[in-house]
Amino acid sequence: MANQGFRVWAPDQRGYNLSDKPEKVSDYDIRHLTKDIAGLIKASGREKATIVGHDWGGIVS
């Protein structure tokens, strides 16, 4: 699929694994989490993306 221009990213959400771990519960609001993903899409230089999420990432996606 990569030869067709697709990319696969598997980012950690805030608070997981080696990502930042904000202390306030409000920092984990769905609005912040979705903005994090939108920022990744913007950083990729793409205008749109197909998003698939698992577990809590399913809610965010």
PDB file of N, CA and C in Angstrom:
ATOM      1  N   MET A   1       0.807  -1.186   0.000  1.00  0.00           N
ATOM      2  CA  MET A   1       0.000   0.000   0.000  1.00  0.00           C
ATOM      3  C   MET A   1       0.861   1.265   0.000  1.00  0.00           C
ATOM      4  N   ALA A   2       2.043   1.190   0.569  1.00  0.00           N
ATOM      5  CA  ALA A   2       2.909   2.370   0.602  1.00  0.00           C
ATOM      6  C   ALA A   2       3.253   2.835  -0.805  1.00  0.00           C
ATOM      7  N   ASN A   3       3.381   1.905  -1.738  1.00  0.00           N
ATOM      8  CA  ASN A   3       3.713   2.295  -3.108  1.00  0.00           C
ATOM      9  C   ASN A   3       2.547   3.000  -3.797  1.00  0.00           C
ATOM     10  N   GLN A   4       1.368   2.986  -3.172  1.00  0.00           N
ATOM     11  CA  GLN A   4       0.201   3.692  -3.684  1.00  0.00           C
ATOM     12  C   GLN A   4       0.004   5.030  -2.974  1.00  0.00           C
ATOM     13  N   GLY A   5       0.949   5.408  -2.122  1.00  0.00           N
ATOM     14  CA  GLY A   5       0.887   6.693  -1.434  1.00  0.00           C
ATOM     15  C   GLY A   5       0.250   6.670  -0.065  1.00  0.00           C
ATOM     16  N   PHE A   6      -0.108   5.482   0.420  1.00  0.00           N
ATOM     17  CA  PHE A   6      -0.701   5.392   1.746  1.00  0.00           C
ATOM     18  C   PHE A   6       0.376   5.378   2.822  1.00  0.00           C
ATOM     19  N   ARG A   7       0.025   5.901   3.980  1.00  0.00           N
ATOM     20  CA  ARG A   7       0.911   5.862   5.146  1.00  0.00           C
ATOM     21  C   ARG A   7       0.128   5.273   6.308  1.00  0.00           C
ATOM     22  N   VAL A   8       0.821   4.597   7.175  1.00  0.00           N
ATOM     23  CA  VAL A   8       0.206   4.078   8.390  1.00  0.00           C
ATOM     24  C   VAL A   8       0.972   4.650   9.572  1.00  0.00           C
ATOM     25  N   TRP A   9       0.243   5.296  10.442  1.00  0.00           N
ATOM     26  CA  TRP A   9       0.835   5.830  11.665  1.00  0.00           C
ATOM     27  C   TRP A   9       0.122   5.186  12.842  1.00  0.00           C
ATOM     28  N   ALA A  10       0.844   4.883  13.871  1.00  0.00           N
ATOM     29  CA  ALA A  10       0.261   4.327  15.091  1.00  0.00           C
ATOM     30  C   ALA A  10       0.768   5.156  16.280  1.00  0.00           C
ATOM     31  N   PRO A  11       0.238   6.369  16.422  1.00  0.00           N
ATOM     32  CA  PRO A  11       0.729   7.241  17.494  1.00  0.00           C
ATOM     33  C   PRO A  11       0.180   6.842  18.863  1.00  0.00           C
ATOM     34  N   ASP A  12       0.935   7.132  19.880  1.00  0.00           N
ATOM     35  CA  ASP A  12       0.435   7.009  21.248  1.00  0.00           C
ATOM     36  C   ASP A  12      -0.372   8.264  21.541  1.00  0.00           C
ATOM     37  N   GLN A  13      -1.504   8.093  22.177  1.00  0.00           N
ATOM     38  CA  GLN A  13      -2.239   9.262  22.639  1.00  0.00           C
ATOM     39  C   GLN A  13      -1.580   9.787  23.902  1.00  0.00           C
ATOM     40  N   ARG A  14      -1.882  11.029  24.219  1.00  0.00           N
ATOM     41  CA  ARG A  14      -1.324  11.603  25.443  1.00  0.00           C
ATOM     42  C   ARG A  14      -1.659  10.700  26.631  1.00  0.00           C
ATOM     43  N   GLY A  15      -0.679  10.511  27.480  1.00  0.00           N
ATOM     44  CA  GLY A  15      -0.848   9.678  28.661  1.00  0.00           C
ATOM     45  C   GLY A  15      -0.440   8.229  28.492  1.00  0.00           C
ATOM     46  N   TYR A  16      -0.206   7.808  27.253  1.00  0.00           N
ATOM     47  CA  TYR A  16       0.153   6.410  26.995  1.00  0.00           C
ATOM     48  C   TYR A  16       1.630   6.276  26.654  1.00  0.00           C
ATOM     49  N   ASN A  17       2.204   5.151  27.021  1.00  0.00           N
ATOM     50  CA  ASN A  17       3.567   4.758  26.669  1.00  0.00           C
ATOM     51  C   ASN A  17       4.550   5.902  26.927  1.00  0.00           C
ATOM     52  N   LEU A  18       5.246   6.372  25.899  1.00  0.00           N
ATOM     53  CA  LEU A  18       6.279   7.393  26.075  1.00  0.00           C
ATOM     54  C   LEU A  18       5.785   8.805  25.775  1.00  0.00           C
ATOM     55  N   SER A  19       4.484   8.972  25.501  1.00  0.00           N
ATOM     56  CA  SER A  19       3.951  10.298  25.190  1.00  0.00           C
ATOM     57  C   SER A  19       3.870  11.147  26.462  1.00  0.00           C
ATOM     58  N   ASP A  20       3.625  12.443  26.256  1.00  0.00           N
ATOM     59  CA  ASP A  20       3.453  13.343  27.401  1.00  0.00           C
ATOM     60  C   ASP A  20       2.306  12.861  28.280  1.00  0.00           C
ATOM     61  N   LYS A  21       2.397  13.161  29.569  1.00  0.00           N
ATOM     62  CA  LYS A  21       1.381  12.749  30.525  1.00  0.00           C
ATOM     63  C   LYS A  21       0.934  13.950  31.345  1.00  0.00           C
ATOM     64  N   PRO A  22       0.039  14.760  30.764  1.00  0.00           N
ATOM     65  CA  PRO A  22      -0.453  15.912  31.519  1.00  0.00           C
ATOM     66  C   PRO A  22      -1.084  15.469  32.843  1.00  0.00           C
ATOM     67  N   GLU A  23      -0.994  16.333  33.843  1.00  0.00           N
ATOM     68  CA  GLU A  23      -1.477  15.975  35.172  1.00  0.00           C
ATOM     69  C   GLU A  23      -2.973  16.201  35.353  1.00  0.00           C
ATOM     70  N   LYS A  24      -3.529  17.222  34.704  1.00  0.00           N
ATOM     71  CA  LYS A  24      -4.943  17.556  34.905  1.00  0.00           C
ATOM     72  C   LYS A  24      -5.845  16.631  34.085  1.00  0.00           C
ATOM     73  N   VAL A  25      -6.910  16.172  34.702  1.00  0.00           N
ATOM     74  CA  VAL A  25      -7.880  15.325  34.009  1.00  0.00           C
ATOM     75  C   VAL A  25      -8.457  16.066  32.808  1.00  0.00           C
ATOM     76  N   SER A  26      -8.660  17.362  32.941  1.00  0.00           N
ATOM     77  CA  SER A  26      -9.251  18.149  31.847  1.00  0.00           C
ATOM     78  C   SER A  26      -8.357  18.162  30.601  1.00  0.00           C
ATOM     79  N   ASP A  27      -7.083  17.871  30.756  1.00  0.00           N
ATOM     80  CA  ASP A  27      -6.177  17.805  29.602  1.00  0.00           C
ATOM     81  C   ASP A  27      -6.449  16.584  28.723  1.00  0.00           C
ATOM     82  N   TYR A  28      -7.293  15.682  29.193  1.00  0.00           N
ATOM     83  CA  TYR A  28      -7.640  14.479  28.439  1.00  0.00           C
ATOM     84  C   TYR A  28      -9.050  14.565  27.841  1.00  0.00           C
ATOM     85  N   ASP A  29      -9.618  15.760  27.836  1.00  0.00           N
ATOM     86  CA  ASP A  29     -10.924  15.984  27.247  1.00  0.00           C
ATOM     87  C   ASP A  29     -10.901  15.585  25.770  1.00  0.00           C
ATOM     88  N   ILE A  30     -12.002  15.064  25.286  1.00  0.00           N
ATOM     89  CA  ILE A  30     -12.080  14.589  23.906  1.00  0.00           C
ATOM     90  C   ILE A  30     -11.704  15.687  22.910  1.00  0.00           C
ATOM     91  N   ARG A  31     -11.987  16.928  23.239  1.00  0.00           N
ATOM     92  CA  ARG A  31     -11.628  18.032  22.332  1.00  0.00           C
ATOM     93  C   ARG A  31     -10.116  18.155  22.188  1.00  0.00           C
ATOM     94  N   HIS A  32      -9.378  17.937  23.256  1.00  0.00           N
ATOM     95  CA  HIS A  32      -7.913  17.978  23.186  1.00  0.00           C
ATOM     96  C   HIS A  32      -7.378  16.785  22.402  1.00  0.00           C
ATOM     97  N   LEU A  33      -7.951  15.620  22.667  1.00  0.00           N
ATOM     98  CA  LEU A  33      -7.477  14.404  22.001  1.00  0.00           C
ATOM     99  C   LEU A  33      -7.713  14.455  20.494  1.00  0.00           C
ATOM    100  N   THR A  34      -8.877  14.966  20.086  1.00  0.00           N
ATOM    101  CA  THR A  34      -9.142  15.067  18.648  1.00  0.00           C
ATOM    102  C   THR A  34      -8.270  16.141  17.995  1.00  0.00           C
ATOM    103  N   LYS A  35      -7.977  17.207  18.726  1.00  0.00           N
ATOM    104  CA  LYS A  35      -7.063  18.233  18.182  1.00  0.00           C
ATOM    105  C   LYS A  35      -5.656  17.668  18.008  1.00  0.00           C
ATOM    106  N   ASP A  36      -5.244  16.778  18.903  1.00  0.00           N
ATOM    107  CA  ASP A  36      -3.934  16.132  18.757  1.00  0.00           C
ATOM    108  C   ASP A  36      -3.867  15.376  17.429  1.00  0.00           C
ATOM    109  N   ILE A  37      -4.914  14.619  17.125  1.00  0.00           N
ATOM    110  CA  ILE A  37      -4.929  13.834  15.886  1.00  0.00           C
ATOM    111  C   ILE A  37      -5.022  14.750  14.674  1.00  0.00           C
ATOM    112  N   ALA A  38      -5.849  15.784  14.760  1.00  0.00           N
ATOM    113  CA  ALA A  38      -5.935  16.749  13.654  1.00  0.00           C
ATOM    114  C   ALA A  38      -4.573  17.389  13.402  1.00  0.00           C
ATOM    115  N   GLY A  39      -3.817  17.644  14.463  1.00  0.00           N
ATOM    116  CA  GLY A  39      -2.475  18.206  14.324  1.00  0.00           C
ATOM    117  C   GLY A  39      -1.529  17.255  13.608  1.00  0.00           C
ATOM    118  N   LEU A  40      -1.663  15.966  13.879  1.00  0.00           N
ATOM    119  CA  LEU A  40      -0.837  14.977  13.181  1.00  0.00           C
ATOM    120  C   LEU A  40      -1.160  14.942  11.692  1.00  0.00           C
ATOM    121  N   ILE A  41      -2.450  15.014  11.384  1.00  0.00           N
ATOM    122  CA  ILE A  41      -2.845  15.023   9.968  1.00  0.00           C
ATOM    123  C   ILE A  41      -2.286  16.259   9.283  1.00  0.00           C
ATOM    124  N   LYS A  42      -2.411  17.405   9.921  1.00  0.00           N
ATOM    125  CA  LYS A  42      -1.884  18.649   9.349  1.00  0.00           C
ATOM    126  C   LYS A  42      -0.370  18.563   9.168  1.00  0.00           C
ATOM    127  N   ALA A  43       0.314  18.020  10.158  1.00  0.00           N
ATOM    128  CA  ALA A  43       1.774  17.890  10.084  1.00  0.00           C
ATOM    129  C   ALA A  43       2.207  16.962   8.955  1.00  0.00           C
ATOM    130  N   SER A  44       1.326  16.048   8.568  1.00  0.00           N
ATOM    131  CA  SER A  44       1.665  15.117   7.482  1.00  0.00           C
ATOM    132  C   SER A  44       1.621  15.793   6.116  1.00  0.00           C
ATOM    133  N   GLY A  45       1.011  16.972   6.062  1.00  0.00           N
ATOM    134  CA  GLY A  45       0.888  17.674   4.793  1.00  0.00           C
ATOM    135  C   GLY A  45      -0.303  17.220   3.970  1.00  0.00           C
ATOM    136  N   ARG A  46      -1.120  16.363   4.539  1.00  0.00           N
ATOM    137  CA  ARG A  46      -2.311  15.859   3.844  1.00  0.00           C
ATOM    138  C   ARG A  46      -3.526  16.695   4.231  1.00  0.00           C
ATOM    139  N   GLU A  47      -4.503  16.744   3.355  1.00  0.00           N
ATOM    140  CA  GLU A  47      -5.732  17.476   3.643  1.00  0.00           C
ATOM    141  C   GLU A  47      -6.793  16.589   4.281  1.00  0.00           C
ATOM    142  N   LYS A  48      -6.675  15.275   4.097  1.00  0.00           N
ATOM    143  CA  LYS A  48      -7.644  14.369   4.684  1.00  0.00           C
ATOM    144  C   LYS A  48      -6.961  13.053   5.008  1.00  0.00           C
ATOM    145  N   ALA A  49      -7.661  12.253   5.803  1.00  0.00           N
ATOM    146  CA  ALA A  49      -7.091  10.969   6.212  1.00  0.00           C
ATOM    147  C   ALA A  49      -8.222  10.010   6.555  1.00  0.00           C
ATOM    148  N   THR A  50      -7.953   8.744   6.427  1.00  0.00           N
ATOM    149  CA  THR A  50      -8.843   7.712   6.937  1.00  0.00           C
ATOM    150  C   THR A  50      -8.283   7.299   8.284  1.00  0.00           C
ATOM    151  N   ILE A  51      -9.117   7.369   9.286  1.00  0.00           N
ATOM    152  CA  ILE A  51      -8.653   7.109  10.652  1.00  0.00           C
ATOM    153  C   ILE A  51      -9.339   5.863  11.188  1.00  0.00           C
ATOM    154  N   VAL A  52      -8.543   4.972  11.743  1.00  0.00           N
ATOM    155  CA  VAL A  52      -9.049   3.771  12.387  1.00  0.00           C
ATOM    156  C   VAL A  52      -8.497   3.768  13.799  1.00  0.00           C
ATOM    157  N   GLY A  53      -9.359   3.585  14.766  1.00  0.00           N
ATOM    158  CA  GLY A  53      -8.906   3.592  16.144  1.00  0.00           C
ATOM    159  C   GLY A  53      -9.292   2.323  16.872  1.00  0.00           C
ATOM    160  N   HIS A  54      -8.535   2.034  17.919  1.00  0.00           N
ATOM    161  CA  HIS A  54      -8.775   0.853  18.744  1.00  0.00           C
ATOM    162  C   HIS A  54      -8.887   1.304  20.192  1.00  0.00           C
ATOM    163  N   ASP A  55      -9.757   0.665  20.938  1.00  0.00           N
ATOM    164  CA  ASP A  55      -9.944   0.957  22.348  1.00  0.00           C
ATOM    165  C   ASP A  55     -10.333   2.429  22.502  1.00  0.00           C
ATOM    166  N   TRP A  56      -9.665   3.181  23.345  1.00  0.00           N
ATOM    167  CA  TRP A  56      -9.991   4.603  23.531  1.00  0.00           C
ATOM    168  C   TRP A  56      -9.746   5.389  22.238  1.00  0.00           C
ATOM    169  N   GLY A  57      -8.797   4.946  21.427  1.00  0.00           N
ATOM    170  CA  GLY A  57      -8.560   5.587  20.145  1.00  0.00           C
ATOM    171  C   GLY A  57      -9.748   5.464  19.200  1.00  0.00           C
ATOM    172  N   GLY A  58     -10.581   4.433  19.402  1.00  0.00           N
ATOM    173  CA  GLY A  58     -11.794   4.299  18.605  1.00  0.00           C
ATOM    174  C   GLY A  58     -12.759   5.421  18.872  1.00  0.00           C
ATOM    175  N   ILE A  59     -12.830   5.859  20.118  1.00  0.00           N
ATOM    176  CA  ILE A  59     -13.702   6.979  20.474  1.00  0.00           C
ATOM    177  C   ILE A  59     -13.160   8.267  19.884  1.00  0.00           C
ATOM    178  N   VAL A  60     -11.862   8.451  19.955  1.00  0.00           N
ATOM    179  CA  VAL A  60     -11.231   9.658  19.421  1.00  0.00           C
ATOM    180  C   VAL A  60     -11.363   9.707  17.899  1.00  0.00           C
ATOM    181  N   SER A  61     -11.202   8.562  17.248  1.00  0.00           N
ATOM    182  CA  SER A  61     -11.285   8.572  15.782  1.00  0.00           C
ATOM    183  C   SER A  61     -12.718   8.747  15.339  1.00  0.00           C
TER     184      SER A  61
END
